[in-house]
Amino acid sequence: MKTKVVMPTRAELAEARRRGKEAARVEPRAERISYDTRKKAVVLHLRRGAIVSLPVDRIRWLEGASVRQLRALYADRAGDAIISDELDVHISINGLLSDLIGLTGPAAMMGTAGSDAASPAKAAAAGANGKRGGRLPKKTAA
């Protein structure tokens, strides 16, 4: 059986680039990563000058890592992940910060703004859902 190759359209590529630029603007991105042996913490040196220190014992993917392995951590080229070649881990910085400290500010507001957005497609979908009786009632325990 022959593999079918699907190529994205120019519009899809343009939209993906736009989303990537927006993510780079609002999501936390690391310029470099270091390890603080005294505090036993991974230190993220983020773009725009912010520094975030995360205790290693709160990062489950780094359990059992040696000091040498922790010192070898680095940010990927886009700055959106912590990488260790030896431990074979690739940890999303955005996901890690969301899990450990909660994500507030622009990225959280973008999610809220997205739910408030009005468009003809959204209005049509809401109307179609209403014709089917709206949301299903919550099931209660017997």
N, C-alpha and C. Protein backbone atom coordinates (compact mmCIF):
# COMPACT_ATOMS: atom_id res chain seq x y z
N MET A 1 0.83 -1.17 0.00
CA MET A 1 0.00 0.00 0.00
C MET A 1 0.88 1.24 0.00
N LYS A 2 0.56 2.17 -0.86
CA LYS A 2 1.36 3.37 -1.01
C LYS A 2 0.95 4.40 0.05
N THR A 3 1.95 5.07 0.62
CA THR A 3 1.70 6.10 1.62
C THR A 3 1.23 7.38 0.93
N LYS A 4 0.16 7.95 1.45
CA LYS A 4 -0.36 9.19 0.89
C LYS A 4 0.27 10.37 1.63
N VAL A 5 0.86 11.28 0.88
CA VAL A 5 1.49 12.46 1.46
C VAL A 5 0.53 13.63 1.32
N VAL A 6 0.22 14.25 2.44
CA VAL A 6 -0.67 15.40 2.43
C VAL A 6 0.16 16.66 2.66
N MET A 7 0.08 17.58 1.74
CA MET A 7 0.84 18.82 1.83
C MET A 7 -0.09 19.93 2.33
N PRO A 8 0.37 20.74 3.28
CA PRO A 8 -0.46 21.85 3.73
C PRO A 8 -0.59 22.92 2.65
N THR A 9 -1.71 23.62 2.68
CA THR A 9 -1.91 24.70 1.72
C THR A 9 -1.12 25.93 2.17
N ARG A 10 -1.01 26.91 1.29
CA ARG A 10 -0.32 28.16 1.64
C ARG A 10 -1.04 28.84 2.80
N ALA A 11 -2.37 28.79 2.78
CA ALA A 11 -3.15 29.41 3.86
C ALA A 11 -2.89 28.70 5.19
N GLU A 12 -2.80 27.37 5.17
CA GLU A 12 -2.52 26.62 6.40
C GLU A 12 -1.12 26.93 6.92
N LEU A 13 -0.15 27.04 6.03
CA LEU A 13 1.21 27.39 6.44
C LEU A 13 1.26 28.80 7.02
N ALA A 14 0.57 29.73 6.39
CA ALA A 14 0.53 31.10 6.89
C ALA A 14 -0.11 31.15 8.27
N GLU A 15 -1.17 30.41 8.47
CA GLU A 15 -1.85 30.38 9.77
C GLU A 15 -0.95 29.74 10.84
N ALA A 16 -0.24 28.68 10.48
CA ALA A 16 0.68 28.04 11.42
C ALA A 16 1.81 28.99 11.81
N ARG A 17 2.33 29.75 10.85
CA ARG A 17 3.37 30.74 11.16
C ARG A 17 2.83 31.83 12.09
N ARG A 18 1.60 32.29 11.82
CA ARG A 18 0.98 33.32 12.65
C ARG A 18 0.81 32.81 14.08
N ARG A 19 0.33 31.57 14.24
CA ARG A 19 0.15 31.00 15.58
C ARG A 19 1.49 30.84 16.28
N GLY A 20 2.53 30.44 15.54
CA GLY A 20 3.86 30.30 16.12
C GLY A 20 4.41 31.63 16.62
N LYS A 21 4.22 32.69 15.84
CA LYS A 21 4.69 34.01 16.26
C LYS A 21 3.93 34.49 17.50
N GLU A 22 2.63 34.24 17.52
CA GLU A 22 1.83 34.65 18.68
C GLU A 22 2.25 33.87 19.92
N ALA A 23 2.49 32.58 19.78
CA ALA A 23 2.94 31.76 20.92
C ALA A 23 4.28 32.26 21.43
N ALA A 24 5.19 32.59 20.52
CA ALA A 24 6.50 33.09 20.94
C ALA A 24 6.37 34.42 21.67
N ARG A 25 5.35 35.20 21.32
CA ARG A 25 5.14 36.50 21.96
C ARG A 25 4.57 36.37 23.37
N VAL A 26 3.65 35.42 23.59
CA VAL A 26 2.96 35.37 24.88
C VAL A 26 3.39 34.23 25.80
N GLU A 27 3.97 33.18 25.26
CA GLU A 27 4.36 32.05 26.10
C GLU A 27 5.76 32.24 26.66
N PRO A 28 6.02 31.66 27.84
CA PRO A 28 7.36 31.77 28.42
C PRO A 28 8.38 31.00 27.57
N ARG A 29 9.48 31.65 27.25
CA ARG A 29 10.55 31.03 26.46
C ARG A 29 11.87 31.25 27.17
N ALA A 30 12.67 30.20 27.26
CA ALA A 30 13.95 30.26 27.97
C ALA A 30 15.09 30.61 27.03
N GLU A 31 15.96 31.51 27.50
CA GLU A 31 17.20 31.79 26.78
C GLU A 31 18.25 30.77 27.18
N ARG A 32 18.24 30.43 28.47
CA ARG A 32 19.17 29.40 28.95
C ARG A 32 18.59 28.78 30.22
N ILE A 33 19.17 27.63 30.58
CA ILE A 33 18.74 26.89 31.76
C ILE A 33 19.98 26.54 32.57
N SER A 34 19.88 26.70 33.88
CA SER A 34 21.00 26.34 34.74
C SER A 34 20.48 25.54 35.93
N TYR A 35 21.41 25.01 36.71
CA TYR A 35 21.04 24.25 37.91
C TYR A 35 21.70 24.89 39.11
N ASP A 36 20.92 25.21 40.13
CA ASP A 36 21.41 25.80 41.38
C ASP A 36 21.58 24.66 42.38
N THR A 37 22.84 24.25 42.63
CA THR A 37 23.10 23.11 43.52
C THR A 37 22.73 23.43 44.97
N ARG A 38 22.89 24.69 45.37
CA ARG A 38 22.57 25.06 46.76
C ARG A 38 21.07 24.93 47.02
N LYS A 39 20.26 25.41 46.09
CA LYS A 39 18.80 25.36 46.26
C LYS A 39 18.18 24.08 45.69
N LYS A 40 19.00 23.29 44.99
CA LYS A 40 18.51 22.09 44.30
C LYS A 40 17.32 22.44 43.41
N ALA A 41 17.58 23.41 42.52
CA ALA A 41 16.52 23.93 41.67
C ALA A 41 17.02 24.14 40.24
N VAL A 42 16.12 23.89 39.30
CA VAL A 42 16.36 24.21 37.90
C VAL A 42 15.98 25.68 37.73
N VAL A 43 16.88 26.46 37.15
CA VAL A 43 16.65 27.89 36.99
C VAL A 43 16.44 28.19 35.51
N LEU A 44 15.27 28.74 35.19
CA LEU A 44 14.94 29.13 33.83
C LEU A 44 15.22 30.62 33.67
N HIS A 45 16.10 30.97 32.77
CA HIS A 45 16.40 32.36 32.47
C HIS A 45 15.57 32.69 31.23
N LEU A 46 14.43 33.33 31.46
CA LEU A 46 13.48 33.58 30.38
C LEU A 46 13.83 34.84 29.61
N ARG A 47 13.32 34.88 28.38
CA ARG A 47 13.47 36.09 27.57
C ARG A 47 12.77 37.23 28.30
N ARG A 48 13.19 38.42 28.06
CA ARG A 48 12.68 39.62 28.72
C ARG A 48 13.15 39.74 30.16
N GLY A 49 14.12 38.91 30.57
CA GLY A 49 14.77 39.10 31.86
C GLY A 49 14.20 38.38 33.07
N ALA A 50 13.08 37.71 32.96
CA ALA A 50 12.52 37.00 34.11
C ALA A 50 13.34 35.75 34.41
N ILE A 51 13.44 35.42 35.71
CA ILE A 51 14.14 34.22 36.14
C ILE A 51 13.19 33.42 37.03
N VAL A 52 13.03 32.14 36.71
CA VAL A 52 12.14 31.26 37.47
C VAL A 52 12.96 30.10 38.01
N SER A 53 12.85 29.88 39.32
CA SER A 53 13.57 28.78 39.97
C SER A 53 12.56 27.71 40.37
N LEU A 54 12.77 26.48 39.90
CA LEU A 54 11.84 25.39 40.17
C LEU A 54 12.56 24.26 40.90
N PRO A 55 12.08 23.88 42.09
CA PRO A 55 12.71 22.79 42.83
C PRO A 55 12.70 21.49 42.01
N VAL A 56 13.83 20.84 41.93
CA VAL A 56 13.95 19.62 41.13
C VAL A 56 12.98 18.54 41.62
N ASP A 57 12.75 18.47 42.93
CA ASP A 57 11.87 17.41 43.44
C ASP A 57 10.41 17.60 43.03
N ARG A 58 10.08 18.74 42.41
CA ARG A 58 8.73 18.97 41.92
C ARG A 58 8.60 18.62 40.44
N ILE A 59 9.73 18.28 39.79
CA ILE A 59 9.72 17.97 38.36
C ILE A 59 9.90 16.46 38.21
N ARG A 60 8.81 15.76 38.03
CA ARG A 60 8.84 14.29 38.07
C ARG A 60 9.74 13.66 37.02
N TRP A 61 9.93 14.33 35.90
CA TRP A 61 10.76 13.77 34.82
C TRP A 61 12.25 13.80 35.18
N LEU A 62 12.59 14.56 36.21
CA LEU A 62 13.99 14.66 36.61
C LEU A 62 14.30 13.88 37.88
N GLU A 63 13.36 13.06 38.33
CA GLU A 63 13.60 12.23 39.53
C GLU A 63 14.80 11.34 39.30
N GLY A 64 15.68 11.30 40.26
CA GLY A 64 16.84 10.42 40.19
C GLY A 64 17.97 10.95 39.34
N ALA A 65 17.84 12.16 38.79
CA ALA A 65 18.91 12.72 37.96
C ALA A 65 20.08 13.16 38.84
N SER A 66 21.28 12.94 38.35
CA SER A 66 22.47 13.34 39.09
C SER A 66 22.71 14.84 38.89
N VAL A 67 23.57 15.40 39.74
CA VAL A 67 23.92 16.82 39.61
C VAL A 67 24.53 17.08 38.23
N ARG A 68 25.37 16.17 37.77
CA ARG A 68 25.98 16.31 36.45
C ARG A 68 24.92 16.36 35.35
N GLN A 69 23.92 15.49 35.44
CA GLN A 69 22.84 15.47 34.46
C GLN A 69 22.00 16.75 34.52
N LEU A 70 21.77 17.25 35.73
CA LEU A 70 20.98 18.47 35.89
C LEU A 70 21.74 19.69 35.35
N ARG A 71 23.04 19.68 35.50
CA ARG A 71 23.85 20.78 34.95
C ARG A 71 23.89 20.75 33.42
N ALA A 72 23.61 19.61 32.85
CA ALA A 72 23.65 19.47 31.39
C ALA A 72 22.31 19.83 30.72
N LEU A 73 21.29 20.19 31.51
CA LEU A 73 20.02 20.58 30.92
C LEU A 73 20.20 21.81 30.04
N TYR A 74 19.44 21.88 28.98
CA TYR A 74 19.50 23.06 28.11
C TYR A 74 18.13 23.33 27.49
N ALA A 75 17.97 24.54 26.99
CA ALA A 75 16.72 24.94 26.31
C ALA A 75 16.83 24.57 24.84
N ASP A 76 15.71 24.15 24.26
CA ASP A 76 15.74 23.88 22.83
C ASP A 76 15.84 25.20 22.06
N ARG A 77 15.99 25.11 20.77
CA ARG A 77 16.24 26.29 19.94
C ARG A 77 15.14 27.34 20.05
N ALA A 78 13.89 26.91 20.16
CA ALA A 78 12.77 27.85 20.27
C ALA A 78 12.64 28.40 21.68
N GLY A 79 13.30 27.74 22.64
CA GLY A 79 13.23 28.19 24.03
C GLY A 79 11.98 27.74 24.75
N ASP A 80 11.24 26.80 24.16
CA ASP A 80 9.99 26.39 24.80
C ASP A 80 10.05 25.02 25.47
N ALA A 81 11.25 24.45 25.58
CA ALA A 81 11.38 23.14 26.23
C ALA A 81 12.73 23.00 26.93
N ILE A 82 12.71 22.18 27.99
CA ILE A 82 13.93 21.79 28.70
C ILE A 82 14.32 20.43 28.15
N ILE A 83 15.59 20.31 27.78
CA ILE A 83 16.04 19.07 27.15
C ILE A 83 17.22 18.48 27.91
N SER A 84 17.19 17.15 28.03
CA SER A 84 18.34 16.39 28.52
C SER A 84 18.52 15.22 27.57
N ASP A 85 19.63 15.23 26.87
CA ASP A 85 19.90 14.12 25.94
C ASP A 85 20.15 12.82 26.70
N GLU A 86 20.89 12.90 27.79
CA GLU A 86 21.23 11.70 28.54
C GLU A 86 20.00 11.07 29.20
N LEU A 87 19.12 11.91 29.76
CA LEU A 87 17.90 11.39 30.40
C LEU A 87 16.80 11.13 29.40
N ASP A 88 16.99 11.56 28.15
CA ASP A 88 16.01 11.41 27.09
C ASP A 88 14.68 12.06 27.48
N VAL A 89 14.76 13.34 27.92
CA VAL A 89 13.54 14.08 28.27
C VAL A 89 13.47 15.36 27.46
N HIS A 90 12.26 15.75 27.18
CA HIS A 90 11.93 16.98 26.48
C HIS A 90 10.70 17.52 27.20
N ILE A 91 10.89 18.50 28.09
CA ILE A 91 9.83 18.98 28.96
C ILE A 91 9.34 20.35 28.48
N SER A 92 8.06 20.46 28.20
CA SER A 92 7.48 21.73 27.79
C SER A 92 7.55 22.72 28.94
N ILE A 93 8.15 23.88 28.70
CA ILE A 93 8.25 24.90 29.74
C ILE A 93 6.86 25.44 30.07
N ASN A 94 6.07 25.68 29.05
CA ASN A 94 4.71 26.19 29.26
C ASN A 94 3.90 25.20 30.10
N GLY A 95 3.97 23.92 29.76
CA GLY A 95 3.25 22.90 30.51
C GLY A 95 3.77 22.75 31.93
N LEU A 96 5.09 22.80 32.09
CA LEU A 96 5.70 22.68 33.41
C LEU A 96 5.26 23.82 34.32
N LEU A 97 5.32 25.05 33.80
CA LEU A 97 4.90 26.20 34.61
C LEU A 97 3.41 26.14 34.92
N SER A 98 2.61 25.67 33.98
CA SER A 98 1.18 25.51 34.23
C SER A 98 0.94 24.51 35.35
N ASP A 99 1.65 23.38 35.31
CA ASP A 99 1.48 22.34 36.33
C ASP A 99 1.95 22.80 37.70
N LEU A 100 3.08 23.49 37.76
CA LEU A 100 3.69 23.81 39.05
C LEU A 100 3.17 25.09 39.68
N ILE A 101 2.96 26.12 38.89
CA ILE A 101 2.59 27.40 39.49
C ILE A 101 1.32 27.98 38.91
N GLY A 102 0.71 27.31 37.96
CA GLY A 102 -0.47 27.86 37.32
C GLY A 102 -0.04 28.93 36.33
N LEU A 103 -0.75 29.01 35.25
CA LEU A 103 -0.38 29.97 34.22
C LEU A 103 -1.35 31.12 34.26
N THR A 104 -0.83 32.30 34.50
CA THR A 104 -1.67 33.49 34.53
C THR A 104 -1.16 34.47 33.50
N GLY A 105 -1.82 35.54 33.35
CA GLY A 105 -1.37 36.58 32.45
C GLY A 105 -1.84 36.38 31.03
N PRO A 106 -1.02 36.82 30.06
CA PRO A 106 -1.47 36.85 28.67
C PRO A 106 -1.94 35.52 28.12
N ALA A 107 -1.23 34.44 28.43
CA ALA A 107 -1.62 33.15 27.85
C ALA A 107 -2.97 32.70 28.38
N ALA A 108 -3.22 32.89 29.68
CA ALA A 108 -4.51 32.53 30.26
C ALA A 108 -5.61 33.41 29.70
N MET A 109 -5.30 34.70 29.55
CA MET A 109 -6.30 35.63 29.02
C MET A 109 -6.64 35.30 27.57
N MET A 110 -5.65 34.81 26.83
CA MET A 110 -5.92 34.45 25.43
C MET A 110 -6.96 33.34 25.36
N GLY A 111 -6.88 32.39 26.27
CA GLY A 111 -7.88 31.32 26.30
C GLY A 111 -9.26 31.87 26.60
N THR A 112 -9.35 32.79 27.54
CA THR A 112 -10.62 33.41 27.87
C THR A 112 -11.14 34.23 26.70
N ALA A 113 -10.26 34.99 26.08
CA ALA A 113 -10.67 35.81 24.95
C ALA A 113 -11.17 34.94 23.80
N GLY A 114 -10.56 33.78 23.62
CA GLY A 114 -10.99 32.88 22.56
C GLY A 114 -12.41 32.39 22.77
N SER A 115 -12.79 32.16 24.02
CA SER A 115 -14.15 31.69 24.29
C SER A 115 -15.16 32.81 24.13
N ASP A 116 -14.72 34.07 24.22
CA ASP A 116 -15.62 35.21 24.06
C ASP A 116 -15.77 35.62 22.60
N ALA A 117 -14.90 35.09 21.75
CA ALA A 117 -14.90 35.53 20.36
C ALA A 117 -16.21 35.16 19.67
N ALA A 118 -16.71 36.11 18.90
CA ALA A 118 -17.94 35.87 18.14
C ALA A 118 -17.57 35.78 16.67
N SER A 119 -18.11 34.80 15.99
CA SER A 119 -17.90 34.67 14.57
C SER A 119 -19.16 34.05 13.97
N PRO A 120 -19.37 34.21 12.68
CA PRO A 120 -20.54 33.59 12.06
C PRO A 120 -20.56 32.07 12.27
N ALA A 121 -19.39 31.43 12.22
CA ALA A 121 -19.33 29.98 12.40
C ALA A 121 -19.73 29.59 13.82
N LYS A 122 -19.25 30.38 14.81
CA LYS A 122 -19.58 30.09 16.20
C LYS A 122 -21.08 30.30 16.45
N ALA A 123 -21.64 31.36 15.88
CA ALA A 123 -23.07 31.63 16.03
C ALA A 123 -23.90 30.51 15.40
N ALA A 124 -23.48 30.05 14.21
CA ALA A 124 -24.20 28.96 13.54
C ALA A 124 -24.13 27.68 14.36
N ALA A 125 -22.96 27.39 14.93
CA ALA A 125 -22.81 26.17 15.75
C ALA A 125 -23.68 26.25 17.00
N ALA A 126 -23.73 27.43 17.63
CA ALA A 126 -24.56 27.59 18.82
C ALA A 126 -26.03 27.43 18.47
N GLY A 127 -26.44 27.98 17.31
CA GLY A 127 -27.83 27.84 16.88
C GLY A 127 -28.18 26.39 16.60
N ALA A 128 -27.28 25.67 15.92
CA ALA A 128 -27.52 24.26 15.63
C ALA A 128 -27.60 23.44 16.91
N ASN A 129 -26.74 23.76 17.88
CA ASN A 129 -26.77 23.06 19.16
C ASN A 129 -28.09 23.33 19.87
N GLY A 130 -28.59 24.56 19.80
CA GLY A 130 -29.85 24.91 20.44
C GLY A 130 -31.03 24.15 19.85
N LYS A 131 -31.01 23.89 18.55
CA LYS A 131 -32.08 23.14 17.90
C LYS A 131 -32.13 21.70 18.40
N ARG A 132 -30.98 21.20 18.85
CA ARG A 132 -30.93 19.81 19.37
C ARG A 132 -31.26 19.76 20.85
N GLY A 133 -31.63 20.89 21.42
CA GLY A 133 -32.00 20.89 22.84
C GLY A 133 -30.91 21.43 23.75
N GLY A 134 -29.83 21.94 23.19
CA GLY A 134 -28.78 22.52 24.02
C GLY A 134 -27.93 21.46 24.69
N ARG A 135 -27.32 21.85 25.80
CA ARG A 135 -26.44 20.93 26.52
C ARG A 135 -27.24 19.81 27.17
N LEU A 136 -26.60 18.68 27.24
CA LEU A 136 -27.21 17.54 27.92
C LEU A 136 -27.24 17.80 29.42
N PRO A 137 -28.29 17.34 30.11
CA PRO A 137 -28.32 17.52 31.57
C PRO A 137 -27.23 16.69 32.23
N LYS A 138 -26.73 17.19 33.35
CA LYS A 138 -25.72 16.46 34.09
C LYS A 138 -26.34 15.21 34.71
N LYS A 139 -25.59 14.13 34.66
CA LYS A 139 -26.06 12.90 35.26
C LYS A 139 -25.81 12.96 36.76
N THR A 140 -26.77 12.55 37.52
CA THR A 140 -26.61 12.54 38.98
C THR A 140 -26.43 11.12 39.44
N ALA A 141 -25.66 10.97 40.53
CA ALA A 141 -25.42 9.63 41.07
C ALA A 141 -26.70 9.11 41.73
N ALA A 142 -26.96 7.83 41.56
CA ALA A 142 -28.19 7.23 42.10
C ALA A 142 -28.08 6.98 43.58
